[in-house]
PDB file of N, CA and C in Angstrom:
ATOM      1  N   UNK A   1     -21.041  -9.073 -11.383  1.00  0.00           N
ATOM      2  CA  UNK A   1     -20.517 -10.525 -11.064  1.00  0.00           C
ATOM      3  C   UNK A   1     -19.106 -10.481 -10.231  1.00  0.00           C
ATOM      4  N   UNK A   2     -19.397 -11.334  -9.063  1.00  0.00           N
ATOM      5  CA  UNK A   2     -18.092 -11.177  -8.140  1.00  0.00           C
ATOM      6  C   UNK A   2     -16.948 -12.430  -8.651  1.00  0.00           C
ATOM      7  N   UNK A   3     -15.724 -12.049  -8.246  1.00  0.00           N
ATOM      8  CA  UNK A   3     -14.916 -13.145  -9.032  1.00  0.00           C
ATOM      9  C   UNK A   3     -15.212 -14.287  -8.469  1.00  0.00           C
ATOM     10  N   UNK A   4     -16.052 -14.744  -7.169  1.00  0.00           N
ATOM     11  CA  UNK A   4     -16.117 -16.309  -7.256  1.00  0.00           C
ATOM     12  C   UNK A   4     -17.320 -16.628  -7.948  1.00  0.00           C
ATOM     13  N   UNK A   5     -18.199 -15.858  -8.265  1.00  0.00           N
ATOM     14  CA  UNK A   5     -19.158 -16.013  -9.431  1.00  0.00           C
ATOM     15  C   UNK A   5     -18.641 -16.357 -10.413  1.00  0.00           C
ATOM     16  N   UNK A   6     -17.761 -15.761 -11.019  1.00  0.00           N
ATOM     17  CA  UNK A   6     -16.680 -15.884 -12.326  1.00  0.00           C
ATOM     18  C   UNK A   6     -16.341 -17.079 -12.146  1.00  0.00           C
ATOM     19  N   UNK A   7     -15.641 -17.324 -11.353  1.00  0.00           N
ATOM     20  CA  UNK A   7     -14.984 -18.825 -10.904  1.00  0.00           C
ATOM     21  C   UNK A   7     -15.703 -19.640 -11.334  1.00  0.00           C
ATOM     22  N   UNK A   8     -16.656 -19.725 -10.490  1.00  0.00           N
ATOM     23  CA  UNK A   8     -17.866 -20.828 -10.562  1.00  0.00           C
ATOM     24  C   UNK A   8     -18.255 -21.199 -11.586  1.00  0.00           C
ATOM     25  N   UNK A   9     -18.593 -19.973 -12.790  1.00  0.00           N
ATOM     26  CA  UNK A   9     -19.143 -20.198 -13.954  1.00  0.00           C
ATOM     27  C   UNK A   9     -17.860 -20.557 -14.883  1.00  0.00           C
ATOM     28  N   UNK A  10     -16.557 -20.203 -14.782  1.00  0.00           N
ATOM     29  CA  UNK A  10     -15.691 -20.877 -15.667  1.00  0.00           C
ATOM     30  C   UNK A  10     -15.614 -22.510 -15.012  1.00  0.00           C
ATOM     31  N   UNK A  11     -15.654 -22.605 -13.993  1.00  0.00           N
ATOM     32  CA  UNK A  11     -15.291 -24.270 -13.461  1.00  0.00           C
ATOM     33  C   UNK A  11     -16.406 -24.830 -14.001  1.00  0.00           C
ATOM     34  N   UNK A  12     -17.539 -24.383 -14.244  1.00  0.00           N
ATOM     35  CA  UNK A  12     -18.755 -25.274 -14.785  1.00  0.00           C
ATOM     36  C   UNK A  12     -18.522 -25.212 -16.309  1.00  0.00           C
ATOM     37  N   UNK A  13     -18.140 -24.268 -16.659  1.00  0.00           N
ATOM     38  CA  UNK A  13     -17.847 -24.309 -18.296  1.00  0.00           C
ATOM     39  C   UNK A  13     -16.729 -25.529 -18.791  1.00  0.00           C
ATOM     40  N   UNK A  14     -15.849 -25.769 -18.009  1.00  0.00           N
ATOM     41  CA  UNK A  14     -14.740 -26.632 -17.994  1.00  0.00           C
ATOM     42  C   UNK A  14     -15.472 -28.117 -17.586  1.00  0.00           C
ATOM     43  N   UNK A  15     -15.994 -28.083 -16.628  1.00  0.00           N
ATOM     44  CA  UNK A  15     -16.874 -29.402 -16.383  1.00  0.00           C
ATOM     45  C   UNK A  15     -17.778 -29.619 -17.402  1.00  0.00           C
ATOM     46  N   UNK A  16     -18.641 -28.674 -18.109  1.00  0.00           N
ATOM     47  CA  UNK A  16     -19.291 -29.101 -19.037  1.00  0.00           C
ATOM     48  C   UNK A  16     -18.708 -29.639 -20.316  1.00  0.00           C
ATOM     49  N   UNK A  17     -17.239 -29.644 -20.616  1.00  0.00           N
ATOM     50  CA  UNK A  17     -16.405 -29.696 -21.603  1.00  0.00           C
ATOM     51  C   UNK A  17     -15.955 -31.295 -21.037  1.00  0.00           C
ATOM     52  N   UNK A  18     -16.009 -31.739 -19.891  1.00  0.00           N
ATOM     53  CA  UNK A  18     -15.432 -33.229 -19.617  1.00  0.00           C
ATOM     54  C   UNK A  18     -16.557 -34.062 -19.385  1.00  0.00           C
ATOM     55  N   UNK A  19     -17.915 -33.456 -19.125  1.00  0.00           N
ATOM     56  CA  UNK A  19     -18.933 -34.165 -18.907  1.00  0.00           C
ATOM     57  C   UNK A  19     -19.295 -35.086 -20.076  1.00  0.00           C
ATOM     58  N   UNK A  20     -19.149 -35.141 -21.389  1.00  0.00           N
ATOM     59  CA  UNK A  20     -19.897 -36.090 -22.136  1.00  0.00           C
ATOM     60  C   UNK A  20     -18.837 -37.254 -21.812  1.00  0.00           C
ATOM     61  N   UNK A  21     -17.437 -37.390 -21.732  1.00  0.00           N
ATOM     62  CA  UNK A  21     -16.667 -38.188 -21.661  1.00  0.00           C
ATOM     63  C   UNK A  21     -17.318 -39.101 -20.467  1.00  0.00           C
ATOM     64  N   UNK A  22     -17.733 -38.701 -19.307  1.00  0.00           N
ATOM     65  CA  UNK A  22     -18.118 -39.399 -18.297  1.00  0.00           C
ATOM     66  C   UNK A  22     -19.581 -39.731 -18.841  1.00  0.00           C
ATOM     67  N   UNK A  23     -20.404 -39.341 -19.334  1.00  0.00           N
ATOM     68  CA  UNK A  23     -21.546 -39.672 -19.469  1.00  0.00           C
ATOM     69  C   UNK A  23     -21.856 -40.698 -20.524  1.00  0.00           C
ATOM     70  N   UNK A  24     -20.734 -40.848 -21.592  1.00  0.00           N
ATOM     71  CA  UNK A  24     -20.594 -41.954 -22.374  1.00  0.00           C
ATOM     72  C   UNK A  24     -20.430 -43.416 -21.440  1.00  0.00           C
ATOM     73  N   UNK A  25     -19.987 -43.262 -20.143  1.00  0.00           N
ATOM     74  CA  UNK A  25     -19.938 -44.512 -19.257  1.00  0.00           C
ATOM     75  C   UNK A  25     -20.603 -44.651 -18.306  1.00  0.00           C
ATOM     76  N   UNK A  26     -21.682 -43.734 -18.518  1.00  0.00           N
ATOM     77  CA  UNK A  26     -23.136 -43.839 -17.772  1.00  0.00           C
ATOM     78  C   UNK A  26     -22.672 -42.889 -16.275  1.00  0.00           C
ATOM     79  N   UNK A  27     -21.841 -41.955 -16.347  1.00  0.00           N
ATOM     80  CA  UNK A  27     -21.457 -41.148 -15.023  1.00  0.00           C
ATOM     81  C   UNK A  27     -21.777 -40.026 -15.458  1.00  0.00           C
ATOM     82  N   UNK A  28     -21.403 -39.091 -14.285  1.00  0.00           N
ATOM     83  CA  UNK A  28     -21.440 -37.690 -14.445  1.00  0.00           C
ATOM     84  C   UNK A  28     -21.085 -37.264 -13.150  1.00  0.00           C
ATOM     85  N   UNK A  29     -20.971 -35.764 -13.122  1.00  0.00           N
ATOM     86  CA  UNK A  29     -20.734 -35.181 -11.861  1.00  0.00           C
ATOM     87  C   UNK A  29     -21.125 -33.978 -11.730  1.00  0.00           C
ATOM     88  N   UNK A  30     -21.179 -33.420 -10.641  1.00  0.00           N
ATOM     89  CA  UNK A  30     -22.185 -32.272 -10.279  1.00  0.00           C
ATOM     90  C   UNK A  30     -21.197 -31.386  -9.239  1.00  0.00           C
ATOM     91  N   UNK A  31     -21.168 -29.915  -9.797  1.00  0.00           N
ATOM     92  CA  UNK A  31     -20.240 -28.975  -9.015  1.00  0.00           C
ATOM     93  C   UNK A  31     -20.851 -28.652  -7.657  1.00  0.00           C
ATOM     94  N   UNK A  32     -20.473 -29.071  -6.628  1.00  0.00           N
ATOM     95  CA  UNK A  32     -20.992 -28.826  -5.395  1.00  0.00           C
ATOM     96  C   UNK A  32     -20.500 -27.304  -4.747  1.00  0.00           C
ATOM     97  N   UNK A  33     -19.476 -27.097  -4.412  1.00  0.00           N
ATOM     98  CA  UNK A  33     -18.952 -25.919  -4.107  1.00  0.00           C
ATOM     99  C   UNK A  33     -17.437 -25.549  -4.583  1.00  0.00           C
ATOM    100  N   UNK A  34     -16.804 -24.332  -4.384  1.00  0.00           N
ATOM    101  CA  UNK A  34     -15.455 -24.041  -4.396  1.00  0.00           C
ATOM    102  C   UNK A  34     -15.178 -23.326  -3.171  1.00  0.00           C
ATOM    103  N   UNK A  35     -14.130 -23.921  -2.851  1.00  0.00           N
ATOM    104  CA  UNK A  35     -13.638 -23.345  -1.457  1.00  0.00           C
ATOM    105  C   UNK A  35     -13.030 -22.274  -1.546  1.00  0.00           C
ATOM    106  N   UNK A  36     -12.441 -21.345  -0.425  1.00  0.00           N
ATOM    107  CA  UNK A  36     -11.679 -20.073  -0.702  1.00  0.00           C
ATOM    108  C   UNK A  36     -10.429 -20.667  -0.883  1.00  0.00           C
ATOM    109  N   UNK A  37      -9.885 -21.534  -0.692  1.00  0.00           N
ATOM    110  CA  UNK A  37      -8.597 -21.684  -1.134  1.00  0.00           C
ATOM    111  C   UNK A  37      -8.549 -22.569  -2.412  1.00  0.00           C
ATOM    112  N   UNK A  38      -9.678 -22.487  -3.143  1.00  0.00           N
ATOM    113  CA  UNK A  38      -9.676 -23.112  -4.400  1.00  0.00           C
ATOM    114  C   UNK A  38      -9.458 -24.523  -4.728  1.00  0.00           C
ATOM    115  N   UNK A  39     -10.364 -25.191  -3.825  1.00  0.00           N
ATOM    116  CA  UNK A  39     -10.655 -26.501  -3.921  1.00  0.00           C
ATOM    117  C   UNK A  39     -11.986 -26.536  -4.520  1.00  0.00           C
ATOM    118  N   UNK A  40     -12.269 -27.611  -5.583  1.00  0.00           N
ATOM    119  CA  UNK A  40     -13.485 -27.642  -6.171  1.00  0.00           C
ATOM    120  C   UNK A  40     -14.173 -28.894  -5.603  1.00  0.00           C
ATOM    121  N   UNK A  41     -15.141 -28.893  -4.877  1.00  0.00           N
ATOM    122  CA  UNK A  41     -15.704 -30.192  -4.470  1.00  0.00           C
ATOM    123  C   UNK A  41     -17.037 -30.480  -5.510  1.00  0.00           C
ATOM    124  N   UNK A  42     -16.960 -31.736  -5.807  1.00  0.00           N
ATOM    125  CA  UNK A  42     -17.767 -32.468  -6.794  1.00  0.00           C
ATOM    126  C   UNK A  42     -18.704 -33.601  -6.188  1.00  0.00           C
ATOM    127  N   UNK A  43     -19.914 -33.848  -6.867  1.00  0.00           N
ATOM    128  CA  UNK A  43     -20.415 -35.140  -6.615  1.00  0.00           C
ATOM    129  C   UNK A  43     -20.226 -36.004  -7.650  1.00  0.00           C
ATOM    130  N   UNK A  44     -19.748 -37.185  -7.708  1.00  0.00           N
ATOM    131  CA  UNK A  44     -19.876 -38.100  -8.790  1.00  0.00           C
ATOM    132  C   UNK A  44     -21.191 -38.831  -8.609  1.00  0.00           C
ATOM    133  N   UNK A  45     -21.733 -39.147  -9.873  1.00  0.00           N
ATOM    134  CA  UNK A  45     -23.044 -39.472  -9.952  1.00  0.00           C
ATOM    135  C   UNK A  45     -23.067 -40.537 -11.014  1.00  0.00           C
ATOM    136  N   UNK A  46     -24.084 -41.340 -10.895  1.00  0.00           N
ATOM    137  CA  UNK A  46     -24.452 -42.494 -11.895  1.00  0.00           C
ATOM    138  C   UNK A  46     -23.071 -43.353 -11.743  1.00  0.00           C
ATOM    139  N   UNK A  47     -22.475 -43.977 -12.766  1.00  0.00           N
ATOM    140  CA  UNK A  47     -21.714 -45.155 -12.464  1.00  0.00           C
ATOM    141  C   UNK A  47     -20.426 -44.563 -12.220  1.00  0.00           C
ATOM    142  N   UNK A  48     -20.156 -43.476 -12.290  1.00  0.00           N
ATOM    143  CA  UNK A  48     -18.994 -42.665 -11.711  1.00  0.00           C
ATOM    144  C   UNK A  48     -18.862 -42.535 -10.022  1.00  0.00           C
ATOM    145  N   UNK A  49     -20.184 -42.756  -9.539  1.00  0.00           N
ATOM    146  CA  UNK A  49     -20.275 -42.748  -8.056  1.00  0.00           C
ATOM    147  C   UNK A  49     -19.739 -44.130  -7.365  1.00  0.00           C
ATOM    148  N   UNK A  50     -20.015 -45.152  -8.126  1.00  0.00           N
ATOM    149  CA  UNK A  50     -19.596 -46.675  -7.825  1.00  0.00           C
ATOM    150  C   UNK A  50     -18.452 -47.004  -8.414  1.00  0.00           C
ATOM    151  N   UNK A  51     -17.554 -46.433  -9.335  1.00  0.00           N
ATOM    152  CA  UNK A  51     -16.779 -47.249 -10.348  1.00  0.00           C
ATOM    153  C   UNK A  51     -15.479 -46.821  -9.498  1.00  0.00           C
ATOM    154  N   UNK A  52     -14.515 -48.204  -9.616  1.00  0.00           N
ATOM    155  CA  UNK A  52     -13.396 -48.309  -9.046  1.00  0.00           C
ATOM    156  C   UNK A  52     -12.138 -47.235  -9.494  1.00  0.00           C
ATOM    157  N   UNK A  53     -12.663 -46.766 -10.765  1.00  0.00           N
ATOM    158  CA  UNK A  53     -11.563 -46.305 -11.277  1.00  0.00           C
ATOM    159  C   UNK A  53     -11.920 -44.416 -11.154  1.00  0.00           C
ATOM    160  N   UNK A  54     -12.851 -44.229 -10.414  1.00  0.00           N
ATOM    161  CA  UNK A  54     -13.387 -42.655 -10.532  1.00  0.00           C
ATOM    162  C   UNK A  54     -12.398 -41.797  -9.739  1.00  0.00           C
ATOM    163  N   UNK A  55     -11.558 -42.219  -8.808  1.00  0.00           N
ATOM    164  CA  UNK A  55     -10.501 -41.304  -8.173  1.00  0.00           C
ATOM    165  C   UNK A  55      -9.753 -41.266  -9.371  1.00  0.00           C
ATOM    166  N   UNK A  56      -9.100 -42.176 -10.180  1.00  0.00           N
ATOM    167  CA  UNK A  56      -8.110 -41.802 -11.168  1.00  0.00           C
ATOM    168  C   UNK A  56      -8.674 -41.016 -12.152  1.00  0.00           C
ATOM    169  N   UNK A  57     -10.130 -41.116 -12.757  1.00  0.00           N
ATOM    170  CA  UNK A  57     -10.760 -40.298 -13.444  1.00  0.00           C
ATOM    171  C   UNK A  57     -10.595 -38.875 -13.103  1.00  0.00           C
ATOM    172  N   UNK A  58     -10.828 -38.688 -11.636  1.00  0.00           N
ATOM    173  CA  UNK A  58     -11.294 -37.485 -11.148  1.00  0.00           C
ATOM    174  C   UNK A  58      -9.807 -36.578 -11.294  1.00  0.00           C
ATOM    175  N   UNK A  59      -8.764 -37.202 -10.600  1.00  0.00           N
ATOM    176  CA  UNK A  59      -7.575 -36.585 -10.684  1.00  0.00           C
ATOM    177  C   UNK A  59      -6.754 -36.495 -12.005  1.00  0.00           C
ATOM    178  N   UNK A  60      -6.788 -37.636 -12.747  1.00  0.00           N
ATOM    179  CA  UNK A  60      -5.869 -37.591 -14.472  1.00  0.00           C
ATOM    180  C   UNK A  60      -7.015 -36.875 -15.215  1.00  0.00           C
ATOM    181  N   UNK A  61      -8.137 -36.886 -15.221  1.00  0.00           N
ATOM    182  CA  UNK A  61      -9.181 -36.355 -16.299  1.00  0.00           C
ATOM    183  C   UNK A  61      -9.651 -34.894 -15.896  1.00  0.00           C
ATOM    184  N   UNK A  62     -10.243 -34.703 -14.666  1.00  0.00           N
ATOM    185  CA  UNK A  62     -11.380 -33.413 -14.472  1.00  0.00           C
ATOM    186  C   UNK A  62     -10.281 -32.738 -13.821  1.00  0.00           C
ATOM    187  N   UNK A  63      -9.729 -32.917 -12.803  1.00  0.00           N
ATOM    188  CA  UNK A  63      -8.557 -32.162 -12.117  1.00  0.00           C
ATOM    189  C   UNK A  63      -7.590 -31.638 -12.984  1.00  0.00           C
ATOM    190  N   UNK A  64      -6.895 -32.356 -13.858  1.00  0.00           N
ATOM    191  CA  UNK A  64      -5.933 -32.134 -14.768  1.00  0.00           C
ATOM    192  C   UNK A  64      -6.325 -31.086 -15.787  1.00  0.00           C
ATOM    193  N   UNK A  65      -7.754 -31.322 -16.088  1.00  0.00           N
ATOM    194  CA  UNK A  65      -8.208 -30.474 -17.146  1.00  0.00           C
ATOM    195  C   UNK A  65      -8.518 -29.079 -16.728  1.00  0.00           C
ATOM    196  N   UNK A  66      -8.975 -28.869 -15.382  1.00  0.00           N
ATOM    197  CA  UNK A  66      -9.512 -27.726 -14.727  1.00  0.00           C
ATOM    198  C   UNK A  66      -8.116 -27.084 -14.618  1.00  0.00           C
ATOM    199  N   UNK A  67      -6.810 -27.549 -14.031  1.00  0.00           N
ATOM    200  CA  UNK A  67      -5.672 -26.750 -13.459  1.00  0.00           C
ATOM    201  C   UNK A  67      -5.401 -26.452 -14.656  1.00  0.00           C
ATOM    202  N   UNK A  68      -5.655 -27.089 -16.131  1.00  0.00           N
ATOM    203  CA  UNK A  68      -4.595 -26.443 -17.172  1.00  0.00           C
ATOM    204  C   UNK A  68      -5.319 -25.255 -17.863  1.00  0.00           C
ATOM    205  N   UNK A  69      -6.665 -25.121 -17.511  1.00  0.00           N
ATOM    206  CA  UNK A  69      -7.637 -23.864 -18.000  1.00  0.00           C
ATOM    207  C   UNK A  69      -7.364 -22.768 -16.868  1.00  0.00           C
ATOM    208  N   UNK A  70      -7.365 -23.301 -15.673  1.00  0.00           N
ATOM    209  CA  UNK A  70      -7.678 -22.534 -14.629  1.00  0.00           C
ATOM    210  C   UNK A  70      -6.608 -22.968 -13.355  1.00  0.00           C
ATOM    211  N   UNK A  71      -5.497 -22.214 -13.643  1.00  0.00           N
ATOM    212  CA  UNK A  71      -4.205 -22.738 -12.748  1.00  0.00           C
ATOM    213  C   UNK A  71      -4.401 -22.397 -11.306  1.00  0.00           C
ATOM    214  N   UNK A  72      -5.573 -21.708 -10.917  1.00  0.00           N
ATOM    215  CA  UNK A  72      -5.601 -20.961  -9.461  1.00  0.00           C
ATOM    216  C   UNK A  72      -6.349 -22.500  -8.799  1.00  0.00           C
ATOM    217  N   UNK A  73      -6.995 -23.103  -9.549  1.00  0.00           N
ATOM    218  CA  UNK A  73      -7.487 -24.426  -8.901  1.00  0.00           C
ATOM    219  C   UNK A  73      -6.758 -25.431  -8.353  1.00  0.00           C
ATOM    220  N   UNK A  74      -6.416 -25.666  -7.040  1.00  0.00           N
ATOM    221  CA  UNK A  74      -5.424 -26.666  -6.171  1.00  0.00           C
ATOM    222  C   UNK A  74      -5.823 -27.936  -6.381  1.00  0.00           C
ATOM    223  N   UNK A  75      -7.037 -28.400  -6.437  1.00  0.00           N
ATOM    224  CA  UNK A  75      -7.606 -29.516  -6.151  1.00  0.00           C
ATOM    225  C   UNK A  75      -8.807 -29.865  -6.547  1.00  0.00           C
ATOM    226  N   UNK A  76      -9.401 -30.989  -6.910  1.00  0.00           N
ATOM    227  CA  UNK A  76     -10.600 -31.705  -7.245  1.00  0.00           C
ATOM    228  C   UNK A  76     -11.081 -32.492  -6.271  1.00  0.00           C
ATOM    229  N   UNK A  77     -12.175 -32.437  -5.494  1.00  0.00           N
ATOM    230  CA  UNK A  77     -12.351 -33.500  -4.444  1.00  0.00           C
ATOM    231  C   UNK A  77     -13.675 -33.958  -4.693  1.00  0.00           C
ATOM    232  N   UNK A  78     -13.968 -35.361  -4.780  1.00  0.00           N
ATOM    233  CA  UNK A  78     -15.385 -35.818  -4.804  1.00  0.00           C
ATOM    234  C   UNK A  78     -15.669 -36.143  -3.476  1.00  0.00           C
ATOM    235  N   UNK A  79     -16.700 -35.420  -3.173  1.00  0.00           N
ATOM    236  CA  UNK A  79     -17.121 -35.622  -1.684  1.00  0.00           C
ATOM    237  C   UNK A  79     -17.730 -36.763  -1.489  1.00  0.00           C
ATOM    238  N   UNK A  80     -18.242 -37.636  -2.250  1.00  0.00           N
ATOM    239  CA  UNK A  80     -19.270 -38.765  -2.101  1.00  0.00           C
ATOM    240  C   UNK A  80     -18.381 -40.098  -2.460  1.00  0.00           C
ATOM    241  N   UNK A  81     -16.859 -40.006  -2.246  1.00  0.00           N
ATOM    242  CA  UNK A  81     -16.019 -41.132  -2.505  1.00  0.00           C
ATOM    243  C   UNK A  81     -15.732 -41.649  -0.979  1.00  0.00           C
TER     244      UNK A  81
END
């Protein structure tokens, strides 16, 4: 397994830990890709796609959690916001 595949798996595992919190409010997210400079692109779905607080949730929740577990991650960006 390449290091890019490993990172993808690790990011997906962290997102799976955060996902239940989003789902309890009717939302979710989908991992789209991870850039070569360690920016994680996600798509917000369900209620998260139209929620006014989605950016705050993304930065304070998802991004903070990912950076704590995987310090090499620089940023999480929602491609549909």
